[in-house]
Amino acid sequence: MQQMIPLPALLKPEQAAEYLGCSPQKLERDRWCEKKIPYVKMGRHVRYRATDLIAYVNESLVTGD
């Protein structure tokens, strides 16, 4: 069984992209166009909450019904 690595509460875009298995550019494109992945704006900095990323992954689940 694979052990879960705890995530920090707020992740930088590079860390969020690594968790999601995509590029930081994909997350930037999502912020500008798609608006599917929630993010936090702190001044000029963008951060992703771990709870939002986990929820996004769970909502994206496609089952084989």
PDB file of N, CA and C in Angstrom:
ATOM      1  N   MET A   1       0.847  -1.173   0.000  1.00  0.00           N
ATOM      2  CA  MET A   1       0.000   0.000   0.000  1.00  0.00           C
ATOM      3  C   MET A   1       0.891   1.234   0.000  1.00  0.00           C
ATOM      4  N   GLN A   2       0.545   2.224  -0.842  1.00  0.00           N
ATOM      5  CA  GLN A   2       1.341   3.436  -0.958  1.00  0.00           C
ATOM      6  C   GLN A   2       1.027   4.393   0.189  1.00  0.00           C
ATOM      7  N   GLN A   3       2.068   4.938   0.794  1.00  0.00           N
ATOM      8  CA  GLN A   3       1.891   5.862   1.910  1.00  0.00           C
ATOM      9  C   GLN A   3       1.657   7.263   1.365  1.00  0.00           C
ATOM     10  N   MET A   4       0.684   7.970   1.944  1.00  0.00           N
ATOM     11  CA  MET A   4       0.363   9.332   1.525  1.00  0.00           C
ATOM     12  C   MET A   4       1.359  10.304   2.138  1.00  0.00           C
ATOM     13  N   ILE A   5       1.866  11.203   1.322  1.00  0.00           N
ATOM     14  CA  ILE A   5       2.768  12.245   1.800  1.00  0.00           C
ATOM     15  C   ILE A   5       1.915  13.454   2.144  1.00  0.00           C
ATOM     16  N   PRO A   6       2.033  13.978   3.361  1.00  0.00           N
ATOM     17  CA  PRO A   6       1.210  15.135   3.731  1.00  0.00           C
ATOM     18  C   PRO A   6       1.573  16.358   2.896  1.00  0.00           C
ATOM     19  N   LEU A   7       0.562  17.102   2.500  1.00  0.00           N
ATOM     20  CA  LEU A   7       0.763  18.317   1.720  1.00  0.00           C
ATOM     21  C   LEU A   7       0.746  19.527   2.643  1.00  0.00           C
ATOM     22  N   PRO A   8       1.527  20.560   2.319  1.00  0.00           N
ATOM     23  CA  PRO A   8       1.398  21.803   3.090  1.00  0.00           C
ATOM     24  C   PRO A   8       0.036  22.426   2.822  1.00  0.00           C
ATOM     25  N   ALA A   9      -0.410  23.291   3.712  1.00  0.00           N
ATOM     26  CA  ALA A   9      -1.736  23.906   3.565  1.00  0.00           C
ATOM     27  C   ALA A   9      -1.829  24.735   2.291  1.00  0.00           C
ATOM     28  N   LEU A  10      -0.777  25.480   1.969  1.00  0.00           N
ATOM     29  CA  LEU A  10      -0.744  26.301   0.756  1.00  0.00           C
ATOM     30  C   LEU A  10       0.442  25.874  -0.101  1.00  0.00           C
ATOM     31  N   LEU A  11       0.174  25.666  -1.380  1.00  0.00           N
ATOM     32  CA  LEU A  11       1.221  25.231  -2.292  1.00  0.00           C
ATOM     33  C   LEU A  11       1.495  26.301  -3.343  1.00  0.00           C
ATOM     34  N   LYS A  12       2.759  26.429  -3.722  1.00  0.00           N
ATOM     35  CA  LYS A  12       3.135  27.293  -4.834  1.00  0.00           C
ATOM     36  C   LYS A  12       2.645  26.626  -6.118  1.00  0.00           C
ATOM     37  N   PRO A  13       2.480  27.394  -7.204  1.00  0.00           N
ATOM     38  CA  PRO A  13       2.000  26.792  -8.453  1.00  0.00           C
ATOM     39  C   PRO A  13       2.840  25.600  -8.910  1.00  0.00           C
ATOM     40  N   GLU A  14       4.150  25.668  -8.721  1.00  0.00           N
ATOM     41  CA  GLU A  14       5.008  24.553  -9.131  1.00  0.00           C
ATOM     42  C   GLU A  14       4.706  23.294  -8.321  1.00  0.00           C
ATOM     43  N   GLN A  15       4.457  23.471  -7.029  1.00  0.00           N
ATOM     44  CA  GLN A  15       4.127  22.331  -6.169  1.00  0.00           C
ATOM     45  C   GLN A  15       2.756  21.769  -6.520  1.00  0.00           C
ATOM     46  N   ALA A  16       1.791  22.659  -6.780  1.00  0.00           N
ATOM     47  CA  ALA A  16       0.445  22.221  -7.155  1.00  0.00           C
ATOM     48  C   ALA A  16       0.477  21.465  -8.476  1.00  0.00           C
ATOM     49  N   ALA A  17       1.263  21.972  -9.427  1.00  0.00           N
ATOM     50  CA  ALA A  17       1.371  21.308 -10.726  1.00  0.00           C
ATOM     51  C   ALA A  17       1.971  19.916 -10.571  1.00  0.00           C
ATOM     52  N   GLU A  18       2.978  19.798  -9.727  1.00  0.00           N
ATOM     53  CA  GLU A  18       3.587  18.489  -9.494  1.00  0.00           C
ATOM     54  C   GLU A  18       2.570  17.532  -8.885  1.00  0.00           C
ATOM     55  N   TYR A  19       1.782  17.997  -7.930  1.00  0.00           N
ATOM     56  CA  TYR A  19       0.764  17.156  -7.307  1.00  0.00           C
ATOM     57  C   TYR A  19      -0.269  16.691  -8.332  1.00  0.00           C
ATOM     58  N   LEU A  20      -0.684  17.607  -9.217  1.00  0.00           N
ATOM     59  CA  LEU A  20      -1.712  17.278 -10.205  1.00  0.00           C
ATOM     60  C   LEU A  20      -1.148  16.563 -11.427  1.00  0.00           C
ATOM     61  N   GLY A  21       0.162  16.552 -11.570  1.00  0.00           N
ATOM     62  CA  GLY A  21       0.767  15.894 -12.731  1.00  0.00           C
ATOM     63  C   GLY A  21       0.620  16.708 -14.003  1.00  0.00           C
ATOM     64  N   CYS A  22       0.709  18.020 -13.877  1.00  0.00           N
ATOM     65  CA  CYS A  22       0.623  18.889 -15.040  1.00  0.00           C
ATOM     66  C   CYS A  22       1.716  19.943 -14.945  1.00  0.00           C
ATOM     67  N   SER A  23       1.746  20.858 -15.885  1.00  0.00           N
ATOM     68  CA  SER A  23       2.760  21.907 -15.874  1.00  0.00           C
ATOM     69  C   SER A  23       2.228  23.154 -15.157  1.00  0.00           C
ATOM     70  N   PRO A  24       3.136  23.975 -14.637  1.00  0.00           N
ATOM     71  CA  PRO A  24       2.696  25.252 -14.062  1.00  0.00           C
ATOM     72  C   PRO A  24       1.986  26.135 -15.093  1.00  0.00           C
ATOM     73  N   GLN A  25       2.354  25.994 -16.357  1.00  0.00           N
ATOM     74  CA  GLN A  25       1.697  26.759 -17.419  1.00  0.00           C
ATOM     75  C   GLN A  25       0.233  26.350 -17.573  1.00  0.00           C
ATOM     76  N   LYS A  26      -0.060  25.068 -17.364  1.00  0.00           N
ATOM     77  CA  LYS A  26      -1.451  24.606 -17.415  1.00  0.00           C
ATOM     78  C   LYS A  26      -2.262  25.269 -16.309  1.00  0.00           C
ATOM     79  N   LEU A  27      -1.683  25.400 -15.116  1.00  0.00           N
ATOM     80  CA  LEU A  27      -2.390  26.059 -14.022  1.00  0.00           C
ATOM     81  C   LEU A  27      -2.586  27.542 -14.317  1.00  0.00           C
ATOM     82  N   GLU A  28      -1.574  28.172 -14.914  1.00  0.00           N
ATOM     83  CA  GLU A  28      -1.709  29.585 -15.281  1.00  0.00           C
ATOM     84  C   GLU A  28      -2.824  29.768 -16.307  1.00  0.00           C
ATOM     85  N   ARG A  29      -2.864  28.878 -17.290  1.00  0.00           N
ATOM     86  CA  ARG A  29      -3.920  28.926 -18.310  1.00  0.00           C
ATOM     87  C   ARG A  29      -5.289  28.722 -17.666  1.00  0.00           C
ATOM     88  N   ASP A  30      -5.365  27.835 -16.691  1.00  0.00           N
ATOM     89  CA  ASP A  30      -6.627  27.605 -15.988  1.00  0.00           C
ATOM     90  C   ASP A  30      -7.067  28.860 -15.241  1.00  0.00           C
ATOM     91  N   ARG A  31      -6.118  29.568 -14.634  1.00  0.00           N
ATOM     92  CA  ARG A  31      -6.470  30.797 -13.905  1.00  0.00           C
ATOM     93  C   ARG A  31      -7.025  31.848 -14.848  1.00  0.00           C
ATOM     94  N   TRP A  32      -6.488  31.924 -16.061  1.00  0.00           N
ATOM     95  CA  TRP A  32      -6.923  32.953 -17.012  1.00  0.00           C
ATOM     96  C   TRP A  32      -8.178  32.556 -17.782  1.00  0.00           C
ATOM     97  N   CYS A  33      -8.314  31.287 -18.123  1.00  0.00           N
ATOM     98  CA  CYS A  33      -9.386  30.882 -19.047  1.00  0.00           C
ATOM     99  C   CYS A  33     -10.456  29.995 -18.415  1.00  0.00           C
ATOM    100  N   GLU A  34     -10.045  28.885 -17.877  1.00  0.00           N
ATOM    101  CA  GLU A  34     -11.008  27.856 -17.497  1.00  0.00           C
ATOM    102  C   GLU A  34     -11.650  28.086 -16.141  1.00  0.00           C
ATOM    103  N   LYS A  35     -10.899  28.569 -15.181  1.00  0.00           N
ATOM    104  CA  LYS A  35     -11.392  28.857 -13.824  1.00  0.00           C
ATOM    105  C   LYS A  35     -11.984  27.621 -13.143  1.00  0.00           C
ATOM    106  N   LYS A  36     -11.354  26.461 -13.335  1.00  0.00           N
ATOM    107  CA  LYS A  36     -11.853  25.236 -12.708  1.00  0.00           C
ATOM    108  C   LYS A  36     -11.174  24.938 -11.374  1.00  0.00           C
ATOM    109  N   ILE A  37      -9.909  25.330 -11.250  1.00  0.00           N
ATOM    110  CA  ILE A  37      -9.147  25.004 -10.051  1.00  0.00           C
ATOM    111  C   ILE A  37      -9.066  26.257  -9.173  1.00  0.00           C
ATOM    112  N   PRO A  38      -9.648  26.225  -7.975  1.00  0.00           N
ATOM    113  CA  PRO A  38      -9.611  27.401  -7.096  1.00  0.00           C
ATOM    114  C   PRO A  38      -8.180  27.735  -6.675  1.00  0.00           C
ATOM    115  N   TYR A  39      -7.927  29.023  -6.500  1.00  0.00           N
ATOM    116  CA  TYR A  39      -6.620  29.470  -6.037  1.00  0.00           C
ATOM    117  C   TYR A  39      -6.777  30.682  -5.137  1.00  0.00           C
ATOM    118  N   VAL A  40      -5.706  30.991  -4.414  1.00  0.00           N
ATOM    119  CA  VAL A  40      -5.686  32.108  -3.482  1.00  0.00           C
ATOM    120  C   VAL A  40      -4.706  33.139  -4.026  1.00  0.00           C
ATOM    121  N   LYS A  41      -5.116  34.401  -4.057  1.00  0.00           N
ATOM    122  CA  LYS A  41      -4.239  35.480  -4.500  1.00  0.00           C
ATOM    123  C   LYS A  41      -3.796  36.246  -3.269  1.00  0.00           C
ATOM    124  N   MET A  42      -2.485  36.255  -3.015  1.00  0.00           N
ATOM    125  CA  MET A  42      -1.918  36.961  -1.868  1.00  0.00           C
ATOM    126  C   MET A  42      -0.958  38.007  -2.420  1.00  0.00           C
ATOM    127  N   GLY A  43      -1.464  39.211  -2.633  1.00  0.00           N
ATOM    128  CA  GLY A  43      -0.652  40.227  -3.298  1.00  0.00           C
ATOM    129  C   GLY A  43      -0.396  39.791  -4.726  1.00  0.00           C
ATOM    130  N   ARG A  44       0.878  39.678  -5.086  1.00  0.00           N
ATOM    131  CA  ARG A  44       1.230  39.213  -6.436  1.00  0.00           C
ATOM    132  C   ARG A  44       1.365  37.705  -6.511  1.00  0.00           C
ATOM    133  N   HIS A  45       1.309  37.052  -5.382  1.00  0.00           N
ATOM    134  CA  HIS A  45       1.570  35.619  -5.321  1.00  0.00           C
ATOM    135  C   HIS A  45       0.290  34.801  -5.428  1.00  0.00           C
ATOM    136  N   VAL A  46       0.396  33.691  -6.129  1.00  0.00           N
ATOM    137  CA  VAL A  46      -0.709  32.744  -6.278  1.00  0.00           C
ATOM    138  C   VAL A  46      -0.362  31.505  -5.471  1.00  0.00           C
ATOM    139  N   ARG A  47      -1.323  31.036  -4.715  1.00  0.00           N
ATOM    140  CA  ARG A  47      -1.145  29.808  -3.946  1.00  0.00           C
ATOM    141  C   ARG A  47      -2.388  28.940  -4.130  1.00  0.00           C
ATOM    142  N   TYR A  48      -2.198  27.646  -3.974  1.00  0.00           N
ATOM    143  CA  TYR A  48      -3.291  26.688  -4.065  1.00  0.00           C
ATOM    144  C   TYR A  48      -3.449  26.004  -2.721  1.00  0.00           C
ATOM    145  N   ARG A  49      -4.681  25.949  -2.231  1.00  0.00           N
ATOM    146  CA  ARG A  49      -4.929  25.236  -0.984  1.00  0.00           C
ATOM    147  C   ARG A  49      -4.964  23.741  -1.276  1.00  0.00           C
ATOM    148  N   ALA A  50      -4.299  22.982  -0.427  1.00  0.00           N
ATOM    149  CA  ALA A  50      -4.255  21.527  -0.604  1.00  0.00           C
ATOM    150  C   ALA A  50      -5.658  20.944  -0.613  1.00  0.00           C
ATOM    151  N   THR A  51      -6.535  21.461   0.240  1.00  0.00           N
ATOM    152  CA  THR A  51      -7.906  20.934   0.297  1.00  0.00           C
ATOM    153  C   THR A  51      -8.638  21.160  -1.020  1.00  0.00           C
ATOM    154  N   ASP A  52      -8.391  22.299  -1.689  1.00  0.00           N
ATOM    155  CA  ASP A  52      -9.028  22.564  -2.985  1.00  0.00           C
ATOM    156  C   ASP A  52      -8.497  21.630  -4.064  1.00  0.00           C
ATOM    157  N   LEU A  53      -7.211  21.350  -4.035  1.00  0.00           N
ATOM    158  CA  LEU A  53      -6.640  20.440  -5.036  1.00  0.00           C
ATOM    159  C   LEU A  53      -7.185  19.033  -4.866  1.00  0.00           C
ATOM    160  N   ILE A  54      -7.282  18.590  -3.618  1.00  0.00           N
ATOM    161  CA  ILE A  54      -7.825  17.254  -3.352  1.00  0.00           C
ATOM    162  C   ILE A  54      -9.282  17.181  -3.795  1.00  0.00           C
ATOM    163  N   ALA A  55     -10.067  18.230  -3.507  1.00  0.00           N
ATOM    164  CA  ALA A  55     -11.469  18.274  -3.929  1.00  0.00           C
ATOM    165  C   ALA A  55     -11.569  18.271  -5.463  1.00  0.00           C
ATOM    166  N   TYR A  56     -10.694  19.015  -6.126  1.00  0.00           N
ATOM    167  CA  TYR A  56     -10.703  19.064  -7.600  1.00  0.00           C
ATOM    168  C   TYR A  56     -10.435  17.671  -8.171  1.00  0.00           C
ATOM    169  N   VAL A  57      -9.473  16.973  -7.615  1.00  0.00           N
ATOM    170  CA  VAL A  57      -9.166  15.617  -8.089  1.00  0.00           C
ATOM    171  C   VAL A  57     -10.352  14.691  -7.860  1.00  0.00           C
ATOM    172  N   ASN A  58     -10.966  14.775  -6.679  1.00  0.00           N
ATOM    173  CA  ASN A  58     -12.119  13.914  -6.377  1.00  0.00           C
ATOM    174  C   ASN A  58     -13.302  14.226  -7.267  1.00  0.00           C
ATOM    175  N   GLU A  59     -13.538  15.497  -7.592  1.00  0.00           N
ATOM    176  CA  GLU A  59     -14.647  15.874  -8.470  1.00  0.00           C
ATOM    177  C   GLU A  59     -14.409  15.472  -9.915  1.00  0.00           C
ATOM    178  N   SER A  60     -13.143  15.278 -10.273  1.00  0.00           N
ATOM    179  CA  SER A  60     -12.791  14.927 -11.658  1.00  0.00           C
ATOM    180  C   SER A  60     -12.832  13.430 -11.914  1.00  0.00           C
ATOM    181  N   LEU A  61     -13.175  12.674 -10.898  1.00  0.00           N
ATOM    182  CA  LEU A  61     -13.203  11.222 -11.016  1.00  0.00           C
ATOM    183  C   LEU A  61     -14.258  10.774 -12.019  1.00  0.00           C
ATOM    184  N   VAL A  62     -13.851   9.925 -12.937  1.00  0.00           N
ATOM    185  CA  VAL A  62     -14.771   9.324 -13.908  1.00  0.00           C
ATOM    186  C   VAL A  62     -14.850   7.850 -13.576  1.00  0.00           C
ATOM    187  N   THR A  63     -16.053   7.386 -13.299  1.00  0.00           N
ATOM    188  CA  THR A  63     -16.224   5.978 -12.952  1.00  0.00           C
ATOM    189  C   THR A  63     -16.673   5.192 -14.177  1.00  0.00           C
ATOM    190  N   GLY A  64     -16.407   3.935 -14.173  1.00  0.00           N
ATOM    191  CA  GLY A  64     -16.779   3.065 -15.286  1.00  0.00           C
ATOM    192  C   GLY A  64     -18.118   2.402 -15.045  1.00  0.00           C
ATOM    193  N   ASP A  65     -19.187   3.177 -15.024  1.00  0.00           N
ATOM    194  CA  ASP A  65     -20.531   2.615 -14.791  1.00  0.00           C
ATOM    195  C   ASP A  65     -21.027   1.853 -15.984  1.00  0.00           C
TER     196      ASP A  65
END
